[in-house]
């Protein structure tokens, strides 16, 4: 399969990871577009013996971190005028939606390092080894961050009254 088709197949997971990093759909789409552009122009640097997804996540994360360094800010700030009408409203009869909203809110309150490792291991189901390569840290650091991130998520969700999360790994 050629690289362009492989990149197309990775779009949904790249968007999900970018959304977790930025917290904003428009910024996430821009980040994915930058990642795909970089992947195509730097395709000669890709080692085909390694998973393409891990390489793309590394590229995407590096672009995101570089953007944060350039802009000198660590998060998205919305003013009251930026909020859409009814944004954040939750229908009271949809408990699953409330739980998902609580989890999303808790994820946004985590540090970027903890959010990255939770998303990559928990949502994308990547191995510790692949995550360590993406983040550029040892496997032990990934495991340590994941442990702290899970504990912090548990505490944040308990604050909001959400039932405990089930253990995946």
C-alpha atoms as a PDB file:
ATOM      1  CA  UNK A   1       0.000   0.000   0.000  1.00  0.00           C
ATOM      2  CA  UNK A   2       1.402   3.407  -0.897  1.00  0.00           C
ATOM      3  CA  UNK A   3       2.139   6.049   1.727  1.00  0.00           C
ATOM      4  CA  UNK A   4      -0.762   8.320   0.786  1.00  0.00           C
ATOM      5  CA  UNK A   5      -3.312   5.546   1.388  1.00  0.00           C
ATOM      6  CA  UNK A   6      -1.644   4.621   4.664  1.00  0.00           C
ATOM      7  CA  UNK A   7      -1.784   8.270   5.754  1.00  0.00           C
ATOM      8  CA  UNK A   8      -5.479   8.450   4.872  1.00  0.00           C
ATOM      9  CA  UNK A   9      -6.158   5.388   7.003  1.00  0.00           C
ATOM     10  CA  UNK A  10      -4.478   7.077   9.996  1.00  0.00           C
ATOM     11  CA  UNK A  11      -6.532  10.311   9.782  1.00  0.00           C
ATOM     12  CA  UNK A  12      -9.150   9.405  12.440  1.00  0.00           C
ATOM     13  CA  UNK A  13      -6.559   8.477  15.082  1.00  0.00           C
ATOM     14  CA  UNK A  14      -4.416  11.495  14.244  1.00  0.00           C
ATOM     15  CA  UNK A  15      -7.462  13.752  14.657  1.00  0.00           C
ATOM     16  CA  UNK A  16      -8.331  12.141  17.974  1.00  0.00           C
ATOM     17  CA  UNK A  17      -4.795  12.590  19.303  1.00  0.00           C
ATOM     18  CA  UNK A  18      -4.579  16.166  18.009  1.00  0.00           C
ATOM     19  CA  UNK A  19      -7.921  16.982  19.632  1.00  0.00           C
ATOM     20  CA  UNK A  20      -6.662  15.593  22.938  1.00  0.00           C
ATOM     21  CA  UNK A  21      -3.531  17.732  22.686  1.00  0.00           C
ATOM     22  CA  UNK A  22      -5.211  20.986  21.660  1.00  0.00           C
ATOM     23  CA  UNK A  23      -8.718  20.761  23.100  1.00  0.00           C
ATOM     24  CA  UNK A  24      -9.994  22.638  20.048  1.00  0.00           C
ATOM     25  CA  UNK A  25     -11.380  20.995  16.872  1.00  0.00           C
ATOM     26  CA  UNK A  26     -10.130  23.724  14.512  1.00  0.00           C
ATOM     27  CA  UNK A  27      -6.621  23.724  15.975  1.00  0.00           C
ATOM     28  CA  UNK A  28      -6.618  19.924  15.902  1.00  0.00           C
ATOM     29  CA  UNK A  29      -7.478  19.896  12.187  1.00  0.00           C
ATOM     30  CA  UNK A  30      -4.692  22.411  11.512  1.00  0.00           C
ATOM     31  CA  UNK A  31      -2.271  20.268  13.492  1.00  0.00           C
ATOM     32  CA  UNK A  32      -3.241  17.131  11.540  1.00  0.00           C
ATOM     33  CA  UNK A  33      -2.838  18.999   8.256  1.00  0.00           C
ATOM     34  CA  UNK A  34       0.628  20.196   9.299  1.00  0.00           C
ATOM     35  CA  UNK A  35       1.506  16.639  10.339  1.00  0.00           C
ATOM     36  CA  UNK A  36       0.421  15.166   7.005  1.00  0.00           C
ATOM     37  CA  UNK A  37       2.319  17.839   5.092  1.00  0.00           C
ATOM     38  CA  UNK A  38       5.457  17.150   7.122  1.00  0.00           C
ATOM     39  CA  UNK A  39       5.016  13.377   6.734  1.00  0.00           C
ATOM     40  CA  UNK A  40       4.819  13.694   2.957  1.00  0.00           C
ATOM     41  CA  UNK A  41       7.802  16.026   2.664  1.00  0.00           C
ATOM     42  CA  UNK A  42       9.911  14.007   5.121  1.00  0.00           C
ATOM     43  CA  UNK A  43       8.746  10.548   4.045  1.00  0.00           C
ATOM     44  CA  UNK A  44      12.351   9.596   3.267  1.00  0.00           C
ATOM     45  CA  UNK A  45      13.017   9.704   7.038  1.00  0.00           C
ATOM     46  CA  UNK A  46      10.344   7.093   7.813  1.00  0.00           C
ATOM     47  CA  UNK A  47      11.690   3.647   8.705  1.00  0.00           C
ATOM     48  CA  UNK A  48       9.210   1.167   7.194  1.00  0.00           C
ATOM     49  CA  UNK A  49      10.187  -1.471   9.768  1.00  0.00           C
ATOM     50  CA  UNK A  50       8.531   0.650  12.494  1.00  0.00           C
ATOM     51  CA  UNK A  51       4.788   1.339  12.857  1.00  0.00           C
ATOM     52  CA  UNK A  52       3.625   4.270  10.730  1.00  0.00           C
ATOM     53  CA  UNK A  53       1.177   5.397  13.434  1.00  0.00           C
ATOM     54  CA  UNK A  54       3.941   5.796  16.011  1.00  0.00           C
ATOM     55  CA  UNK A  55       6.009   7.851  13.557  1.00  0.00           C
ATOM     56  CA  UNK A  56       3.012  10.053  12.698  1.00  0.00           C
ATOM     57  CA  UNK A  57       2.168  10.583  16.373  1.00  0.00           C
ATOM     58  CA  UNK A  58       5.771  11.625  16.985  1.00  0.00           C
ATOM     59  CA  UNK A  59       5.632  14.098  14.106  1.00  0.00           C
ATOM     60  CA  UNK A  60       2.267  15.465  15.257  1.00  0.00           C
ATOM     61  CA  UNK A  61       3.390  15.847  18.865  1.00  0.00           C
ATOM     62  CA  UNK A  62       6.643  17.532  17.852  1.00  0.00           C
ATOM     63  CA  UNK A  63       4.756  20.047  15.711  1.00  0.00           C
ATOM     64  CA  UNK A  64       2.383  20.713  18.613  1.00  0.00           C
ATOM     65  CA  UNK A  65       5.206  21.211  21.127  1.00  0.00           C
ATOM     66  CA  UNK A  66       7.070  23.490  18.709  1.00  0.00           C
ATOM     67  CA  UNK A  67       3.908  25.545  18.282  1.00  0.00           C
ATOM     68  CA  UNK A  68       3.510  25.885  22.044  1.00  0.00           C
ATOM     69  CA  UNK A  69       7.104  27.031  22.395  1.00  0.00           C
ATOM     70  CA  UNK A  70       6.675  29.589  19.628  1.00  0.00           C
ATOM     71  CA  UNK A  71       3.426  30.971  20.973  1.00  0.00           C
ATOM     72  CA  UNK A  72       4.566  30.902  24.601  1.00  0.00           C
ATOM     73  CA  UNK A  73       1.253  29.599  25.870  1.00  0.00           C
ATOM     74  CA  UNK A  74       0.256  26.240  27.246  1.00  0.00           C
ATOM     75  CA  UNK A  75      -3.450  26.088  26.553  1.00  0.00           C
ATOM     76  CA  UNK A  76      -6.493  27.436  24.785  1.00  0.00           C
ATOM     77  CA  UNK A  77      -8.244  30.368  26.404  1.00  0.00           C
ATOM     78  CA  UNK A  78     -11.838  31.131  25.494  1.00  0.00           C
ATOM     79  CA  UNK A  79     -13.658  34.305  26.303  1.00  0.00           C
ATOM     80  CA  UNK A  80     -17.379  34.386  26.993  1.00  0.00           C
ATOM     81  CA  UNK A  81     -17.881  35.734  23.466  1.00  0.00           C
ATOM     82  CA  UNK A  82     -16.163  32.640  21.997  1.00  0.00           C
ATOM     83  CA  UNK A  83     -18.589  30.208  23.594  1.00  0.00           C
ATOM     84  CA  UNK A  84     -21.341  28.898  21.365  1.00  0.00           C
ATOM     85  CA  UNK A  85     -24.884  29.154  22.676  1.00  0.00           C
ATOM     86  CA  UNK A  86     -25.547  26.209  24.972  1.00  0.00           C
ATOM     87  CA  UNK A  87     -21.940  25.024  24.886  1.00  0.00           C
ATOM     88  CA  UNK A  88     -21.312  22.692  27.767  1.00  0.00           C
ATOM     89  CA  UNK A  89     -25.011  22.024  28.357  1.00  0.00           C
ATOM     90  CA  UNK A  90     -25.789  18.430  29.286  1.00  0.00           C
ATOM     91  CA  UNK A  91     -29.189  16.824  29.023  1.00  0.00           C
ATOM     92  CA  UNK A  92     -30.048  15.499  32.515  1.00  0.00           C
ATOM     93  CA  UNK A  93     -31.411  12.175  31.295  1.00  0.00           C
ATOM     94  CA  UNK A  94     -28.259  11.033  29.521  1.00  0.00           C
ATOM     95  CA  UNK A  95     -25.935   9.599  32.158  1.00  0.00           C
ATOM     96  CA  UNK A  96     -23.485   8.203  29.610  1.00  0.00           C
ATOM     97  CA  UNK A  97     -23.120  11.662  28.088  1.00  0.00           C
ATOM     98  CA  UNK A  98     -22.510  13.153  31.524  1.00  0.00           C
ATOM     99  CA  UNK A  99     -19.842  10.567  32.259  1.00  0.00           C
ATOM    100  CA  UNK A 100     -18.147  11.200  28.902  1.00  0.00           C
ATOM    101  CA  UNK A 101     -18.313  14.934  29.519  1.00  0.00           C
ATOM    102  CA  UNK A 102     -16.795  14.467  32.973  1.00  0.00           C
ATOM    103  CA  UNK A 103     -14.001  12.338  31.581  1.00  0.00           C
ATOM    104  CA  UNK A 104     -13.306  14.915  28.870  1.00  0.00           C
ATOM    105  CA  UNK A 105     -13.260  17.709  31.449  1.00  0.00           C
ATOM    106  CA  UNK A 106     -10.938  15.685  33.690  1.00  0.00           C
ATOM    107  CA  UNK A 107      -8.616  14.979  30.741  1.00  0.00           C
ATOM    108  CA  UNK A 108      -8.436  18.697  29.973  1.00  0.00           C
ATOM    109  CA  UNK A 109      -7.392  19.388  33.576  1.00  0.00           C
ATOM    110  CA  UNK A 110      -4.443  16.980  33.381  1.00  0.00           C
ATOM    111  CA  UNK A 111      -0.989  18.261  32.544  1.00  0.00           C
ATOM    112  CA  UNK A 112      -0.063  17.871  28.864  1.00  0.00           C
ATOM    113  CA  UNK A 113       2.389  15.056  29.683  1.00  0.00           C
ATOM    114  CA  UNK A 114      -0.253  13.088  31.573  1.00  0.00           C
ATOM    115  CA  UNK A 115      -2.930  13.742  28.948  1.00  0.00           C
ATOM    116  CA  UNK A 116      -0.629  12.505  26.171  1.00  0.00           C
ATOM    117  CA  UNK A 117       0.207   9.245  27.888  1.00  0.00           C
ATOM    118  CA  UNK A 118      -3.443   8.548  28.880  1.00  0.00           C
ATOM    119  CA  UNK A 119      -4.629   9.134  25.314  1.00  0.00           C
ATOM    120  CA  UNK A 120      -1.865   7.117  23.674  1.00  0.00           C
ATOM    121  CA  UNK A 121      -2.059   4.107  26.006  1.00  0.00           C
ATOM    122  CA  UNK A 122      -5.710   4.182  27.034  1.00  0.00           C
ATOM    123  CA  UNK A 123      -7.495   5.416  23.938  1.00  0.00           C
ATOM    124  CA  UNK A 124      -5.140   4.530  21.107  1.00  0.00           C
ATOM    125  CA  UNK A 125      -4.053   1.272  22.826  1.00  0.00           C
ATOM    126  CA  UNK A 126      -0.410   1.794  21.934  1.00  0.00           C
ATOM    127  CA  UNK A 127       2.344  -0.192  23.604  1.00  0.00           C
ATOM    128  CA  UNK A 128       4.525   1.425  26.250  1.00  0.00           C
ATOM    129  CA  UNK A 129       7.472   1.028  23.883  1.00  0.00           C
ATOM    130  CA  UNK A 130       5.743   2.913  21.060  1.00  0.00           C
ATOM    131  CA  UNK A 131       4.600   5.634  23.458  1.00  0.00           C
ATOM    132  CA  UNK A 132       8.131   5.998  24.808  1.00  0.00           C
ATOM    133  CA  UNK A 133       9.421   6.493  21.257  1.00  0.00           C
ATOM    134  CA  UNK A 134       6.701   9.031  20.459  1.00  0.00           C
ATOM    135  CA  UNK A 135       7.331  11.041  23.619  1.00  0.00           C
ATOM    136  CA  UNK A 136      11.103  10.584  23.549  1.00  0.00           C
ATOM    137  CA  UNK A 137      11.272   9.257  27.110  1.00  0.00           C
ATOM    138  CA  UNK A 138      12.204   5.859  28.619  1.00  0.00           C
ATOM    139  CA  UNK A 139       9.520   3.171  29.001  1.00  0.00           C
ATOM    140  CA  UNK A 140       9.751   3.502  32.798  1.00  0.00           C
ATOM    141  CA  UNK A 141       8.873   7.181  32.526  1.00  0.00           C
ATOM    142  CA  UNK A 142       5.827   6.298  30.418  1.00  0.00           C
ATOM    143  CA  UNK A 143       4.705   3.797  33.048  1.00  0.00           C
ATOM    144  CA  UNK A 144       5.279   6.302  35.855  1.00  0.00           C
ATOM    145  CA  UNK A 145       3.398   9.095  34.040  1.00  0.00           C
ATOM    146  CA  UNK A 146       0.557   6.730  33.240  1.00  0.00           C
ATOM    147  CA  UNK A 147       0.247   5.660  36.854  1.00  0.00           C
ATOM    148  CA  UNK A 148       0.195   9.265  38.083  1.00  0.00           C
ATOM    149  CA  UNK A 149      -2.197  10.295  35.310  1.00  0.00           C
ATOM    150  CA  UNK A 150      -4.646   7.498  36.138  1.00  0.00           C
ATOM    151  CA  UNK A 151      -4.569   8.412  39.826  1.00  0.00           C
ATOM    152  CA  UNK A 152      -5.125  12.088  39.056  1.00  0.00           C
ATOM    153  CA  UNK A 153      -8.016  11.196  36.705  1.00  0.00           C
ATOM    154  CA  UNK A 154      -9.563   9.030  39.420  1.00  0.00           C
ATOM    155  CA  UNK A 155      -9.396  11.894  41.920  1.00  0.00           C
ATOM    156  CA  UNK A 156     -10.794  14.404  39.436  1.00  0.00           C
ATOM    157  CA  UNK A 157     -13.678  12.095  38.565  1.00  0.00           C
ATOM    158  CA  UNK A 158     -14.440  11.414  42.227  1.00  0.00           C
ATOM    159  CA  UNK A 159     -14.689  15.193  42.730  1.00  0.00           C
ATOM    160  CA  UNK A 160     -17.341  15.291  40.023  1.00  0.00           C
ATOM    161  CA  UNK A 161     -19.191  12.307  41.436  1.00  0.00           C
ATOM    162  CA  UNK A 162     -18.485   9.972  38.526  1.00  0.00           C
ATOM    163  CA  UNK A 163     -18.374   6.270  39.315  1.00  0.00           C
ATOM    164  CA  UNK A 164     -14.897   4.717  39.337  1.00  0.00           C
ATOM    165  CA  UNK A 165     -13.209   3.791  36.094  1.00  0.00           C
ATOM    166  CA  UNK A 166     -12.557   0.137  35.399  1.00  0.00           C
ATOM    167  CA  UNK A 167      -8.942  -0.958  35.176  1.00  0.00           C
ATOM    168  CA  UNK A 168      -7.846  -1.738  31.592  1.00  0.00           C
ATOM    169  CA  UNK A 169      -4.217  -2.770  32.062  1.00  0.00           C
END
